[in-house]
Amino acid sequence: MSIWWSLHLRREAASVPLARRLLLGTMETAGVDPDVSYDLSVALTEACANAVEHGGGGTAEGGTSEAYRVTAYLDGEKCRIEVADTGPGFARSAARPAHSDAEHGRGLWLIEELADHVHIGNKPGRGGAVVSFDKMLKWRDNAPLVPAS
């Protein structure tokens, strides 16, 4: 079983819950364990909030500005989520998540804590930040779309 979707969103606060609800609905329909779904939805919320707050200033594909993209893949036993914006990207020091007691910058730290594998970097060439993260999936009993063993 594979599910894939991609959203091209305006860099506005209202886009964050839209992405979160789509992810949660997809995982609920597929039969992903609610705890795993919750962890991934919080991580997605943090990545989207960063794109909304810091991801402006560039030009998106198709020539529009002030946008970001969210892509999610549920493939077999893993979910991968990528959030890419058109902003200036990460400075080398900013790509390291802040300590848990920092006043700002905890979003990247939280993503690191909730996901199994995280990559934080910049798009090559035209700029923009990319945050991608993976998590192994657990399934509810009698999940409708559980992958074949």
N, C-alpha and C. Protein backbone atom coordinates (compact mmCIF):
# COMPACT_ATOMS: atom_id res chain seq x y z
N MET A 1 0.84 -1.17 0.00
CA MET A 1 0.00 0.00 0.00
C MET A 1 0.88 1.23 0.00
N SER A 2 0.58 2.13 -0.89
CA SER A 2 1.27 3.41 -0.93
C SER A 2 0.23 4.52 -1.10
N ILE A 3 0.44 5.59 -0.36
CA ILE A 3 -0.38 6.80 -0.49
C ILE A 3 0.60 7.95 -0.61
N TRP A 4 0.35 8.84 -1.56
CA TRP A 4 1.23 9.99 -1.78
C TRP A 4 0.36 11.20 -2.06
N TRP A 5 0.71 12.33 -1.45
CA TRP A 5 0.03 13.58 -1.79
C TRP A 5 0.98 14.75 -1.60
N SER A 6 0.69 15.82 -2.32
CA SER A 6 1.51 17.03 -2.24
C SER A 6 0.59 18.25 -2.27
N LEU A 7 0.89 19.21 -1.43
CA LEU A 7 0.12 20.45 -1.35
C LEU A 7 1.04 21.63 -1.65
N HIS A 8 0.56 22.56 -2.41
CA HIS A 8 1.24 23.82 -2.65
C HIS A 8 0.42 24.86 -1.89
N LEU A 9 0.99 25.41 -0.82
CA LEU A 9 0.22 26.25 0.10
C LEU A 9 0.75 27.67 0.15
N ARG A 10 -0.18 28.60 0.37
CA ARG A 10 0.23 29.99 0.61
C ARG A 10 0.90 30.06 1.97
N ARG A 11 1.84 30.95 2.07
CA ARG A 11 2.59 31.13 3.32
C ARG A 11 1.75 31.98 4.28
N GLU A 12 0.67 31.34 4.78
CA GLU A 12 -0.25 31.97 5.71
C GLU A 12 -0.53 31.00 6.85
N ALA A 13 -0.76 31.53 8.02
CA ALA A 13 -0.99 30.69 9.20
C ALA A 13 -2.16 29.72 9.00
N ALA A 14 -3.17 30.10 8.25
CA ALA A 14 -4.34 29.24 8.04
C ALA A 14 -4.00 27.96 7.26
N SER A 15 -2.87 27.94 6.56
CA SER A 15 -2.50 26.75 5.80
C SER A 15 -1.98 25.63 6.69
N VAL A 16 -1.49 25.96 7.87
CA VAL A 16 -0.89 24.95 8.74
C VAL A 16 -1.92 23.92 9.21
N PRO A 17 -3.07 24.32 9.76
CA PRO A 17 -4.04 23.29 10.17
C PRO A 17 -4.60 22.51 8.98
N LEU A 18 -4.65 23.10 7.80
CA LEU A 18 -5.11 22.38 6.62
C LEU A 18 -4.19 21.19 6.33
N ALA A 19 -2.90 21.43 6.32
CA ALA A 19 -1.93 20.34 6.09
C ALA A 19 -2.03 19.29 7.18
N ARG A 20 -2.15 19.73 8.42
CA ARG A 20 -2.23 18.80 9.55
C ARG A 20 -3.47 17.91 9.45
N ARG A 21 -4.63 18.53 9.15
CA ARG A 21 -5.88 17.75 9.05
C ARG A 21 -5.83 16.76 7.90
N LEU A 22 -5.22 17.14 6.77
CA LEU A 22 -5.11 16.21 5.65
C LEU A 22 -4.25 15.01 6.03
N LEU A 23 -3.13 15.27 6.72
CA LEU A 23 -2.27 14.18 7.16
C LEU A 23 -3.01 13.26 8.14
N LEU A 24 -3.65 13.85 9.14
CA LEU A 24 -4.37 13.04 10.13
C LEU A 24 -5.49 12.22 9.48
N GLY A 25 -6.22 12.83 8.55
CA GLY A 25 -7.29 12.11 7.87
C GLY A 25 -6.77 10.96 7.02
N THR A 26 -5.67 11.19 6.34
CA THR A 26 -5.06 10.13 5.53
C THR A 26 -4.64 8.97 6.41
N MET A 27 -3.97 9.27 7.52
CA MET A 27 -3.49 8.20 8.39
C MET A 27 -4.62 7.48 9.10
N GLU A 28 -5.66 8.21 9.48
CA GLU A 28 -6.81 7.55 10.11
C GLU A 28 -7.48 6.60 9.12
N THR A 29 -7.68 7.05 7.90
CA THR A 29 -8.30 6.22 6.87
C THR A 29 -7.47 4.97 6.57
N ALA A 30 -6.14 5.13 6.56
CA ALA A 30 -5.26 4.00 6.27
C ALA A 30 -5.18 3.03 7.44
N GLY A 31 -5.45 3.50 8.66
CA GLY A 31 -5.39 2.63 9.83
C GLY A 31 -4.11 2.73 10.62
N VAL A 32 -3.41 3.88 10.49
CA VAL A 32 -2.18 4.09 11.25
C VAL A 32 -2.53 4.30 12.72
N ASP A 33 -1.70 3.76 13.61
CA ASP A 33 -1.88 3.91 15.05
C ASP A 33 -2.01 5.39 15.41
N PRO A 34 -2.98 5.77 16.23
CA PRO A 34 -3.20 7.18 16.57
C PRO A 34 -2.00 7.88 17.21
N ASP A 35 -1.20 7.17 18.00
CA ASP A 35 -0.03 7.81 18.62
C ASP A 35 1.00 8.20 17.57
N VAL A 36 1.22 7.34 16.58
CA VAL A 36 2.15 7.64 15.50
C VAL A 36 1.61 8.81 14.67
N SER A 37 0.31 8.77 14.38
CA SER A 37 -0.32 9.85 13.62
C SER A 37 -0.16 11.18 14.34
N TYR A 38 -0.37 11.17 15.64
CA TYR A 38 -0.24 12.40 16.43
C TYR A 38 1.19 12.94 16.37
N ASP A 39 2.18 12.08 16.58
CA ASP A 39 3.59 12.52 16.53
C ASP A 39 3.91 13.15 15.19
N LEU A 40 3.50 12.50 14.11
CA LEU A 40 3.78 13.03 12.78
C LEU A 40 3.04 14.34 12.53
N SER A 41 1.81 14.45 13.04
CA SER A 41 1.06 15.68 12.81
C SER A 41 1.67 16.87 13.57
N VAL A 42 2.20 16.62 14.76
CA VAL A 42 2.88 17.69 15.50
C VAL A 42 4.16 18.10 14.77
N ALA A 43 4.93 17.12 14.31
CA ALA A 43 6.15 17.42 13.56
C ALA A 43 5.82 18.21 12.29
N LEU A 44 4.77 17.80 11.58
CA LEU A 44 4.36 18.53 10.38
C LEU A 44 3.95 19.95 10.72
N THR A 45 3.20 20.13 11.79
CA THR A 45 2.78 21.46 12.22
C THR A 45 3.98 22.36 12.46
N GLU A 46 5.00 21.83 13.13
CA GLU A 46 6.21 22.62 13.40
C GLU A 46 6.94 22.99 12.11
N ALA A 47 7.06 22.03 11.19
CA ALA A 47 7.75 22.30 9.93
C ALA A 47 6.98 23.33 9.10
N CYS A 48 5.66 23.22 9.06
CA CYS A 48 4.84 24.19 8.32
C CYS A 48 4.91 25.58 8.97
N ALA A 49 4.86 25.63 10.29
CA ALA A 49 4.94 26.91 10.99
C ALA A 49 6.28 27.60 10.68
N ASN A 50 7.35 26.83 10.61
CA ASN A 50 8.65 27.41 10.23
C ASN A 50 8.62 27.95 8.81
N ALA A 51 8.00 27.21 7.88
CA ALA A 51 7.91 27.68 6.50
C ALA A 51 7.09 28.96 6.40
N VAL A 52 6.01 29.03 7.17
CA VAL A 52 5.17 30.23 7.16
C VAL A 52 5.94 31.42 7.73
N GLU A 53 6.64 31.20 8.84
CA GLU A 53 7.33 32.31 9.51
C GLU A 53 8.61 32.74 8.79
N HIS A 54 9.38 31.78 8.30
CA HIS A 54 10.72 32.09 7.78
C HIS A 54 10.89 31.86 6.29
N GLY A 55 9.90 31.29 5.61
CA GLY A 55 10.10 30.80 4.26
C GLY A 55 9.79 31.74 3.13
N GLY A 56 9.73 33.02 3.35
CA GLY A 56 9.40 33.95 2.28
C GLY A 56 10.61 34.56 1.62
N GLY A 57 10.34 35.32 0.59
CA GLY A 57 11.41 36.08 -0.05
C GLY A 57 11.88 35.50 -1.36
N GLY A 58 11.56 34.26 -1.64
CA GLY A 58 11.98 33.66 -2.91
C GLY A 58 10.82 33.57 -3.87
N THR A 59 11.03 32.83 -4.95
CA THR A 59 9.98 32.62 -5.93
C THR A 59 9.75 31.13 -6.07
N ALA A 60 8.52 30.71 -5.93
CA ALA A 60 8.18 29.30 -6.01
C ALA A 60 8.15 28.83 -7.46
N GLU A 61 8.07 27.51 -7.64
CA GLU A 61 7.91 26.96 -8.97
C GLU A 61 6.65 27.56 -9.59
N GLY A 62 6.71 27.86 -10.87
CA GLY A 62 5.56 28.47 -11.52
C GLY A 62 5.54 29.98 -11.39
N GLY A 63 6.56 30.57 -10.74
CA GLY A 63 6.68 32.01 -10.67
C GLY A 63 5.93 32.69 -9.56
N THR A 64 5.21 31.96 -8.72
CA THR A 64 4.49 32.59 -7.63
C THR A 64 5.39 32.71 -6.41
N SER A 65 5.15 33.71 -5.61
CA SER A 65 5.96 33.89 -4.41
C SER A 65 5.11 33.62 -3.18
N GLU A 66 5.77 33.59 -2.04
CA GLU A 66 5.08 33.44 -0.76
C GLU A 66 4.32 32.13 -0.67
N ALA A 67 4.97 31.03 -1.05
CA ALA A 67 4.33 29.73 -0.99
C ALA A 67 5.31 28.71 -0.42
N TYR A 68 4.77 27.57 -0.02
CA TYR A 68 5.60 26.44 0.38
C TYR A 68 4.90 25.16 -0.03
N ARG A 69 5.63 24.06 -0.01
CA ARG A 69 5.09 22.79 -0.46
C ARG A 69 5.23 21.74 0.64
N VAL A 70 4.18 20.94 0.81
CA VAL A 70 4.19 19.82 1.74
C VAL A 70 3.93 18.56 0.93
N THR A 71 4.78 17.56 1.10
CA THR A 71 4.61 16.28 0.42
C THR A 71 4.67 15.18 1.47
N ALA A 72 3.74 14.24 1.38
CA ALA A 72 3.72 13.11 2.32
C ALA A 72 3.63 11.81 1.54
N TYR A 73 4.40 10.82 1.98
CA TYR A 73 4.40 9.49 1.40
C TYR A 73 4.16 8.50 2.53
N LEU A 74 3.15 7.69 2.41
CA LEU A 74 2.97 6.53 3.28
C LEU A 74 3.26 5.35 2.38
N ASP A 75 4.36 4.68 2.63
CA ASP A 75 4.79 3.60 1.75
C ASP A 75 5.22 2.42 2.59
N GLY A 76 4.40 1.38 2.61
CA GLY A 76 4.74 0.20 3.39
C GLY A 76 4.72 0.50 4.87
N GLU A 77 5.87 0.39 5.48
CA GLU A 77 5.97 0.55 6.94
C GLU A 77 6.49 1.92 7.36
N LYS A 78 6.61 2.87 6.42
CA LYS A 78 7.22 4.16 6.75
C LYS A 78 6.41 5.30 6.17
N CYS A 79 6.44 6.43 6.88
CA CYS A 79 5.87 7.68 6.38
C CYS A 79 7.01 8.68 6.26
N ARG A 80 7.10 9.33 5.12
CA ARG A 80 8.08 10.41 4.92
C ARG A 80 7.32 11.68 4.59
N ILE A 81 7.70 12.75 5.26
CA ILE A 81 7.08 14.06 5.04
C ILE A 81 8.19 15.05 4.69
N GLU A 82 7.91 15.90 3.71
CA GLU A 82 8.87 16.93 3.31
C GLU A 82 8.13 18.26 3.24
N VAL A 83 8.74 19.29 3.83
CA VAL A 83 8.22 20.65 3.76
C VAL A 83 9.33 21.50 3.15
N ALA A 84 9.03 22.14 2.02
CA ALA A 84 10.02 22.95 1.32
C ALA A 84 9.45 24.34 1.07
N ASP A 85 10.27 25.36 1.34
CA ASP A 85 9.82 26.73 1.12
C ASP A 85 10.72 27.42 0.09
N THR A 86 10.42 28.68 -0.18
CA THR A 86 11.15 29.45 -1.17
C THR A 86 11.96 30.58 -0.56
N GLY A 87 12.18 30.50 0.73
CA GLY A 87 12.89 31.57 1.44
C GLY A 87 14.40 31.49 1.28
N PRO A 88 15.11 32.15 2.18
CA PRO A 88 16.56 32.21 2.08
C PRO A 88 17.26 30.91 2.49
N GLY A 89 16.54 29.97 3.05
CA GLY A 89 17.16 28.73 3.51
C GLY A 89 17.74 28.89 4.90
N PHE A 90 18.37 27.84 5.37
CA PHE A 90 18.96 27.83 6.70
C PHE A 90 20.40 28.31 6.65
N ALA A 91 20.76 29.16 7.61
CA ALA A 91 22.18 29.41 7.85
C ALA A 91 22.72 28.15 8.49
N ARG A 92 24.00 27.86 8.33
CA ARG A 92 24.56 26.61 8.87
C ARG A 92 24.23 26.43 10.35
N SER A 93 24.38 27.46 11.17
CA SER A 93 24.14 27.32 12.61
C SER A 93 22.65 27.17 12.91
N ALA A 94 21.78 27.73 12.07
CA ALA A 94 20.35 27.68 12.34
C ALA A 94 19.76 26.29 12.07
N ALA A 95 20.46 25.49 11.28
CA ALA A 95 19.94 24.17 10.95
C ALA A 95 20.05 23.20 12.12
N ARG A 96 20.74 23.58 13.17
CA ARG A 96 20.83 22.74 14.36
C ARG A 96 19.70 23.12 15.31
N PRO A 97 18.90 22.17 15.73
CA PRO A 97 17.78 22.49 16.61
C PRO A 97 18.25 23.08 17.94
N ALA A 98 17.48 24.03 18.43
CA ALA A 98 17.78 24.67 19.71
C ALA A 98 17.56 23.68 20.85
N HIS A 99 18.13 23.98 21.98
CA HIS A 99 17.95 23.17 23.18
C HIS A 99 16.50 23.30 23.64
N SER A 100 16.00 22.29 24.33
CA SER A 100 14.59 22.23 24.71
C SER A 100 14.14 23.37 25.61
N ASP A 101 15.06 24.03 26.32
CA ASP A 101 14.64 25.14 27.17
C ASP A 101 14.84 26.50 26.51
N ALA A 102 15.19 26.52 25.22
CA ALA A 102 15.34 27.78 24.49
C ALA A 102 13.98 28.43 24.31
N GLU A 103 13.97 29.78 24.23
CA GLU A 103 12.72 30.49 24.09
C GLU A 103 12.15 30.39 22.67
N HIS A 104 13.00 30.32 21.67
CA HIS A 104 12.60 30.18 20.27
C HIS A 104 13.41 29.07 19.65
N GLY A 105 12.96 28.56 18.52
CA GLY A 105 13.73 27.56 17.79
C GLY A 105 13.54 26.14 18.26
N ARG A 106 12.49 25.89 19.04
CA ARG A 106 12.25 24.53 19.52
C ARG A 106 11.57 23.64 18.49
N GLY A 107 11.04 24.22 17.43
CA GLY A 107 10.32 23.44 16.43
C GLY A 107 11.18 22.38 15.79
N LEU A 108 12.38 22.73 15.38
CA LEU A 108 13.28 21.74 14.77
C LEU A 108 13.69 20.68 15.80
N TRP A 109 13.91 21.10 17.03
CA TRP A 109 14.24 20.15 18.09
C TRP A 109 13.09 19.16 18.29
N LEU A 110 11.85 19.68 18.28
CA LEU A 110 10.69 18.83 18.47
C LEU A 110 10.54 17.83 17.32
N ILE A 111 10.76 18.27 16.09
CA ILE A 111 10.72 17.37 14.95
C ILE A 111 11.74 16.25 15.14
N GLU A 112 12.95 16.60 15.57
CA GLU A 112 13.99 15.60 15.83
C GLU A 112 13.54 14.57 16.86
N GLU A 113 12.81 15.01 17.89
CA GLU A 113 12.36 14.12 18.95
C GLU A 113 11.22 13.21 18.50
N LEU A 114 10.36 13.68 17.61
CA LEU A 114 9.17 12.94 17.23
C LEU A 114 9.37 11.99 16.05
N ALA A 115 10.36 12.25 15.21
CA ALA A 115 10.58 11.44 14.02
C ALA A 115 11.76 10.49 14.23
N ASP A 116 11.84 9.47 13.37
CA ASP A 116 12.94 8.52 13.45
C ASP A 116 14.19 9.01 12.73
N HIS A 117 14.01 9.72 11.63
CA HIS A 117 15.13 10.24 10.85
C HIS A 117 14.73 11.62 10.33
N VAL A 118 15.62 12.60 10.47
CA VAL A 118 15.32 13.97 10.06
C VAL A 118 16.47 14.50 9.20
N HIS A 119 16.11 15.19 8.12
CA HIS A 119 17.11 15.90 7.31
C HIS A 119 16.67 17.35 7.22
N ILE A 120 17.56 18.25 7.59
CA ILE A 120 17.30 19.69 7.55
C ILE A 120 18.37 20.30 6.66
N GLY A 121 17.93 20.98 5.60
CA GLY A 121 18.91 21.55 4.68
C GLY A 121 18.31 22.58 3.77
N ASN A 122 19.08 22.91 2.74
CA ASN A 122 18.67 23.90 1.75
C ASN A 122 18.52 23.25 0.39
N LYS A 123 17.61 23.80 -0.42
CA LYS A 123 17.48 23.34 -1.79
C LYS A 123 18.71 23.79 -2.56
N PRO A 124 19.24 22.94 -3.40
CA PRO A 124 20.38 23.37 -4.20
C PRO A 124 19.96 24.41 -5.23
N GLY A 125 20.85 25.31 -5.53
CA GLY A 125 20.61 26.29 -6.58
C GLY A 125 19.74 27.45 -6.18
N ARG A 126 18.42 27.35 -6.44
CA ARG A 126 17.53 28.51 -6.32
C ARG A 126 17.13 28.87 -4.90
N GLY A 127 17.55 28.15 -3.92
CA GLY A 127 17.30 28.52 -2.53
C GLY A 127 16.03 27.96 -1.95
N GLY A 128 15.91 28.17 -0.66
CA GLY A 128 14.78 27.66 0.08
C GLY A 128 15.22 26.57 1.03
N ALA A 129 14.48 26.42 2.10
CA ALA A 129 14.78 25.40 3.10
C ALA A 129 13.96 24.15 2.82
N VAL A 130 14.50 23.00 3.23
CA VAL A 130 13.81 21.72 3.12
C VAL A 130 13.95 21.00 4.45
N VAL A 131 12.83 20.61 5.03
CA VAL A 131 12.82 19.79 6.23
C VAL A 131 12.10 18.51 5.86
N SER A 132 12.79 17.38 5.96
CA SER A 132 12.14 16.10 5.68
C SER A 132 12.36 15.19 6.87
N PHE A 133 11.36 14.36 7.14
CA PHE A 133 11.46 13.44 8.27
C PHE A 133 10.66 12.18 7.99
N ASP A 134 11.16 11.08 8.58
CA ASP A 134 10.56 9.76 8.42
C ASP A 134 10.16 9.22 9.78
N LYS A 135 9.16 8.36 9.77
CA LYS A 135 8.79 7.63 10.98
C LYS A 135 8.24 6.28 10.56
N MET A 136 8.66 5.25 11.28
CA MET A 136 8.13 3.91 11.05
C MET A 136 6.67 3.90 11.53
N LEU A 137 5.82 3.25 10.76
CA LEU A 137 4.40 3.22 11.07
C LEU A 137 4.03 2.00 11.89
N LYS A 138 3.08 2.20 12.78
CA LYS A 138 2.41 1.11 13.49
C LYS A 138 0.96 1.18 13.04
N TRP A 139 0.30 0.03 13.05
CA TRP A 139 -1.06 -0.04 12.52
C TRP A 139 -2.05 -0.45 13.60
N ARG A 140 -3.26 0.08 13.50
CA ARG A 140 -4.35 -0.36 14.37
C ARG A 140 -4.72 -1.79 14.01
N ASP A 141 -5.30 -2.49 14.95
CA ASP A 141 -5.86 -3.81 14.65
C ASP A 141 -6.93 -3.63 13.57
N ASN A 142 -6.96 -4.54 12.62
CA ASN A 142 -7.93 -4.51 11.53
C ASN A 142 -7.87 -3.24 10.69
N ALA A 143 -6.66 -2.69 10.53
CA ALA A 143 -6.49 -1.49 9.70
C ALA A 143 -6.90 -1.80 8.26
N PRO A 144 -7.68 -0.92 7.64
CA PRO A 144 -8.19 -1.22 6.28
C PRO A 144 -7.09 -1.26 5.21
N LEU A 145 -6.03 -0.50 5.36
CA LEU A 145 -5.01 -0.43 4.32
C LEU A 145 -3.65 -0.93 4.80
N VAL A 146 -3.64 -1.79 5.81
CA VAL A 146 -2.37 -2.30 6.34
C VAL A 146 -1.59 -3.00 5.23
N PRO A 147 -0.27 -2.74 5.15
CA PRO A 147 0.52 -3.38 4.11
C PRO A 147 0.58 -4.90 4.28
N ALA A 148 0.67 -5.59 3.18
CA ALA A 148 0.78 -7.05 3.21
C ALA A 148 2.10 -7.44 3.83
N SER A 149 2.09 -8.50 4.64
CA SER A 149 3.31 -8.97 5.30
C SER A 149 4.11 -9.86 4.39
